[in-house]
Amino acid sequence: MSLSSPRYAKALLDLSEERALSSAVAGDMVFVREALASSRELQVFLSSPVVKPYQKKKVLSQVFAGLSELSQKFITLVVDHGREGLLSQIAVNYLEACRSAECRTARSDRSSHFGFWSQVGRDYRRSKP
């Protein structure tokens, strides 16, 4: 486990609590964790050094379009810092920290985004030269 993921999670928790969004972000992190766990293709895409950061941000913004603005900006920041491979662990660390801080998890219906990755992946493969 990376030492960075708990730090990113703690920073996100602090910011989400400051903005009274901790339960919404907790729901987002559940979704991020489940989306990454359910898609091997997405995991490979994110860990590929061949794929440029701007391409990763574009795909992630589409896959996670239903997330709160704070969560979307946080994911962009993680990619900007080259830590996209830690997203799943950051989500887990956030949820653990949130559980300790007694945040409520707001789960909304985001199931439509799970199937979205397959379409994005097909579009990406077609656009490659």
C-alpha atoms as a PDB file:
ATOM      1  CA  MET A   1       0.000   0.000   0.000  1.00  0.00           C
ATOM      2  CA  SER A   2       1.202   3.457  -0.884  1.00  0.00           C
ATOM      3  CA  LEU A   3       1.748   6.094   1.774  1.00  0.00           C
ATOM      4  CA  SER A   4       0.199   8.632  -0.583  1.00  0.00           C
ATOM      5  CA  SER A   5      -3.298   7.170  -0.728  1.00  0.00           C
ATOM      6  CA  PRO A   6      -4.191   7.789   2.954  1.00  0.00           C
ATOM      7  CA  ARG A   7      -2.885  11.351   2.626  1.00  0.00           C
ATOM      8  CA  TYR A   8      -4.983  12.056  -0.465  1.00  0.00           C
ATOM      9  CA  ALA A   9      -8.000  10.478   1.263  1.00  0.00           C
ATOM     10  CA  LYS A  10      -7.495  12.573   4.396  1.00  0.00           C
ATOM     11  CA  ALA A  11      -7.160  15.760   2.341  1.00  0.00           C
ATOM     12  CA  LEU A  12     -10.379  14.928   0.487  1.00  0.00           C
ATOM     13  CA  LEU A  13     -12.177  14.154   3.752  1.00  0.00           C
ATOM     14  CA  ASP A  14     -11.031  17.424   5.325  1.00  0.00           C
ATOM     15  CA  LEU A  15     -12.187  19.413   2.299  1.00  0.00           C
ATOM     16  CA  SER A  16     -15.495  17.568   2.005  1.00  0.00           C
ATOM     17  CA  GLU A  17     -16.229  18.116   5.708  1.00  0.00           C
ATOM     18  CA  GLU A  18     -15.327  21.797   5.384  1.00  0.00           C
ATOM     19  CA  ARG A  19     -17.846  22.116   2.556  1.00  0.00           C
ATOM     20  CA  ALA A  20     -20.441  19.852   4.255  1.00  0.00           C
ATOM     21  CA  LEU A  21     -20.207  17.355   1.400  1.00  0.00           C
ATOM     22  CA  SER A  22     -18.703  14.361   3.178  1.00  0.00           C
ATOM     23  CA  SER A  23     -21.733  12.101   2.693  1.00  0.00           C
ATOM     24  CA  ALA A  24     -22.035  12.958  -1.009  1.00  0.00           C
ATOM     25  CA  VAL A  25     -18.315  12.384  -1.541  1.00  0.00           C
ATOM     26  CA  ALA A  26     -18.560   9.097   0.394  1.00  0.00           C
ATOM     27  CA  GLY A  27     -21.216   7.967  -2.088  1.00  0.00           C
ATOM     28  CA  ASP A  28     -18.934   9.063  -4.924  1.00  0.00           C
ATOM     29  CA  MET A  29     -16.032   7.091  -3.499  1.00  0.00           C
ATOM     30  CA  VAL A  30     -18.193   3.975  -3.211  1.00  0.00           C
ATOM     31  CA  PHE A  31     -18.999   4.398  -6.891  1.00  0.00           C
ATOM     32  CA  VAL A  32     -15.347   4.994  -7.847  1.00  0.00           C
ATOM     33  CA  ARG A  33     -14.242   1.911  -5.923  1.00  0.00           C
ATOM     34  CA  GLU A  34     -16.950  -0.270  -7.482  1.00  0.00           C
ATOM     35  CA  ALA A  35     -16.351   1.064 -11.005  1.00  0.00           C
ATOM     36  CA  LEU A  36     -12.623   0.400 -10.811  1.00  0.00           C
ATOM     37  CA  ALA A  37     -13.122  -3.032  -9.221  1.00  0.00           C
ATOM     38  CA  SER A  38     -15.610  -4.085 -11.888  1.00  0.00           C
ATOM     39  CA  SER A  39     -13.604  -2.993 -14.931  1.00  0.00           C
ATOM     40  CA  ARG A  40     -10.249  -4.584 -15.589  1.00  0.00           C
ATOM     41  CA  GLU A  41     -10.126  -2.619 -18.841  1.00  0.00           C
ATOM     42  CA  LEU A  42     -10.408   0.678 -16.966  1.00  0.00           C
ATOM     43  CA  GLN A  43      -7.659  -0.375 -14.554  1.00  0.00           C
ATOM     44  CA  VAL A  44      -5.330  -1.257 -17.441  1.00  0.00           C
ATOM     45  CA  PHE A  45      -6.173   2.015 -19.196  1.00  0.00           C
ATOM     46  CA  LEU A  46      -5.330   4.073 -16.103  1.00  0.00           C
ATOM     47  CA  SER A  47      -2.086   2.230 -15.403  1.00  0.00           C
ATOM     48  CA  SER A  48      -0.822   2.482 -18.986  1.00  0.00           C
ATOM     49  CA  PRO A  49       2.179   4.804 -19.367  1.00  0.00           C
ATOM     50  CA  VAL A  50       1.350   5.096 -23.082  1.00  0.00           C
ATOM     51  CA  VAL A  51      -1.949   6.865 -22.417  1.00  0.00           C
ATOM     52  CA  LYS A  52      -1.442  10.574 -21.864  1.00  0.00           C
ATOM     53  CA  PRO A  53      -2.841  12.268 -18.735  1.00  0.00           C
ATOM     54  CA  TYR A  54      -5.206  14.447 -20.779  1.00  0.00           C
ATOM     55  CA  GLN A  55      -6.705  11.283 -22.305  1.00  0.00           C
ATOM     56  CA  LYS A  56      -7.132   9.720 -18.866  1.00  0.00           C
ATOM     57  CA  LYS A  57      -8.826  12.865 -17.559  1.00  0.00           C
ATOM     58  CA  LYS A  58     -11.177  12.947 -20.533  1.00  0.00           C
ATOM     59  CA  VAL A  59     -12.222   9.320 -20.073  1.00  0.00           C
ATOM     60  CA  LEU A  60     -12.550   9.634 -16.293  1.00  0.00           C
ATOM     61  CA  SER A  61     -14.679  12.767 -16.644  1.00  0.00           C
ATOM     62  CA  GLN A  62     -17.058  10.778 -18.849  1.00  0.00           C
ATOM     63  CA  VAL A  63     -17.071   7.645 -16.696  1.00  0.00           C
ATOM     64  CA  PHE A  64     -17.567   9.649 -13.503  1.00  0.00           C
ATOM     65  CA  ALA A  65     -19.846  12.350 -14.925  1.00  0.00           C
ATOM     66  CA  GLY A  66     -22.452  11.724 -12.227  1.00  0.00           C
ATOM     67  CA  LEU A  67     -20.119  12.506  -9.338  1.00  0.00           C
ATOM     68  CA  SER A  68     -20.143  15.703  -7.318  1.00  0.00           C
ATOM     69  CA  GLU A  69     -18.064  18.595  -8.600  1.00  0.00           C
ATOM     70  CA  LEU A  70     -15.654  18.195  -5.676  1.00  0.00           C
ATOM     71  CA  SER A  71     -15.050  14.519  -6.473  1.00  0.00           C
ATOM     72  CA  GLN A  72     -14.547  15.236 -10.163  1.00  0.00           C
ATOM     73  CA  LYS A  73     -12.015  17.982  -9.431  1.00  0.00           C
ATOM     74  CA  PHE A  74     -10.259  15.709  -6.954  1.00  0.00           C
ATOM     75  CA  ILE A  75      -9.932  12.930  -9.549  1.00  0.00           C
ATOM     76  CA  THR A  76      -8.496  15.446 -12.017  1.00  0.00           C
ATOM     77  CA  LEU A  77      -5.959  16.525  -9.392  1.00  0.00           C
ATOM     78  CA  VAL A  78      -4.970  12.900  -8.735  1.00  0.00           C
ATOM     79  CA  VAL A  79      -4.353  12.369 -12.470  1.00  0.00           C
ATOM     80  CA  ASP A  80      -2.416  15.650 -12.692  1.00  0.00           C
ATOM     81  CA  HIS A  81      -0.117  14.315  -9.958  1.00  0.00           C
ATOM     82  CA  GLY A  82       0.318  10.988 -11.763  1.00  0.00           C
ATOM     83  CA  ARG A  83      -1.439   9.024  -8.996  1.00  0.00           C
ATOM     84  CA  GLU A  84      -4.395   7.654 -10.977  1.00  0.00           C
ATOM     85  CA  GLY A  85      -3.255   4.116 -10.182  1.00  0.00           C
ATOM     86  CA  LEU A  86      -4.080   4.861  -6.536  1.00  0.00           C
ATOM     87  CA  LEU A  87      -7.684   5.976  -7.125  1.00  0.00           C
ATOM     88  CA  SER A  88      -9.224   2.748  -5.868  1.00  0.00           C
ATOM     89  CA  GLN A  89      -7.074   2.711  -2.736  1.00  0.00           C
ATOM     90  CA  ILE A  90      -7.736   6.412  -2.128  1.00  0.00           C
ATOM     91  CA  ALA A  91     -11.476   5.669  -2.317  1.00  0.00           C
ATOM     92  CA  VAL A  92     -11.089   2.818   0.196  1.00  0.00           C
ATOM     93  CA  ASN A  93      -9.015   5.011   2.516  1.00  0.00           C
ATOM     94  CA  TYR A  94     -11.570   7.815   2.259  1.00  0.00           C
ATOM     95  CA  LEU A  95     -14.400   5.461   3.185  1.00  0.00           C
ATOM     96  CA  GLU A  96     -12.446   4.096   6.151  1.00  0.00           C
ATOM     97  CA  ALA A  97     -11.647   7.613   7.365  1.00  0.00           C
ATOM     98  CA  CYS A  98     -15.231   8.663   6.792  1.00  0.00           C
ATOM     99  CA  ARG A  99     -16.479   5.675   8.759  1.00  0.00           C
ATOM    100  CA  SER A 100     -14.223   6.722  11.637  1.00  0.00           C
ATOM    101  CA  ALA A 101     -15.586  10.259  11.391  1.00  0.00           C
ATOM    102  CA  GLU A 102     -19.131   8.841  11.188  1.00  0.00           C
ATOM    103  CA  CYS A 103     -19.986  10.235   7.748  1.00  0.00           C
ATOM    104  CA  ARG A 104     -23.155   8.967   6.154  1.00  0.00           C
ATOM    105  CA  THR A 105     -22.835   7.412   2.705  1.00  0.00           C
ATOM    106  CA  ALA A 106     -25.179   8.955   0.187  1.00  0.00           C
ATOM    107  CA  ARG A 107     -25.783   6.426  -2.558  1.00  0.00           C
ATOM    108  CA  SER A 108     -27.545   7.674  -5.613  1.00  0.00           C
ATOM    109  CA  ASP A 109     -28.454   5.709  -8.699  1.00  0.00           C
ATOM    110  CA  ARG A 110     -25.323   5.814 -10.810  1.00  0.00           C
ATOM    111  CA  SER A 111     -25.597   2.295 -12.210  1.00  0.00           C
ATOM    112  CA  SER A 112     -26.015   3.656 -15.731  1.00  0.00           C
ATOM    113  CA  HIS A 113     -22.372   4.766 -15.698  1.00  0.00           C
ATOM    114  CA  PHE A 114     -21.030   1.224 -15.179  1.00  0.00           C
ATOM    115  CA  GLY A 115     -21.828   0.195 -18.752  1.00  0.00           C
ATOM    116  CA  PHE A 116     -20.480   3.473 -20.043  1.00  0.00           C
ATOM    117  CA  TRP A 117     -16.828   2.362 -19.861  1.00  0.00           C
ATOM    118  CA  SER A 118     -17.285  -0.249 -22.568  1.00  0.00           C
ATOM    119  CA  GLN A 119     -18.525   2.415 -24.998  1.00  0.00           C
ATOM    120  CA  VAL A 120     -15.743   4.839 -24.048  1.00  0.00           C
ATOM    121  CA  GLY A 121     -13.173   2.062 -24.485  1.00  0.00           C
ATOM    122  CA  ARG A 122     -14.494   1.224 -27.960  1.00  0.00           C
ATOM    123  CA  ASP A 123     -14.444   4.908 -28.965  1.00  0.00           C
ATOM    124  CA  TYR A 124     -10.890   5.305 -27.645  1.00  0.00           C
ATOM    125  CA  ARG A 125      -9.610   2.238 -29.521  1.00  0.00           C
ATOM    126  CA  ARG A 126     -11.190   3.499 -32.759  1.00  0.00           C
ATOM    127  CA  SER A 127      -9.605   6.936 -32.405  1.00  0.00           C
ATOM    128  CA  LYS A 128      -6.051   5.594 -31.985  1.00  0.00           C
ATOM    129  CA  PRO A 129      -3.877   6.062 -35.091  1.00  0.00           C
END
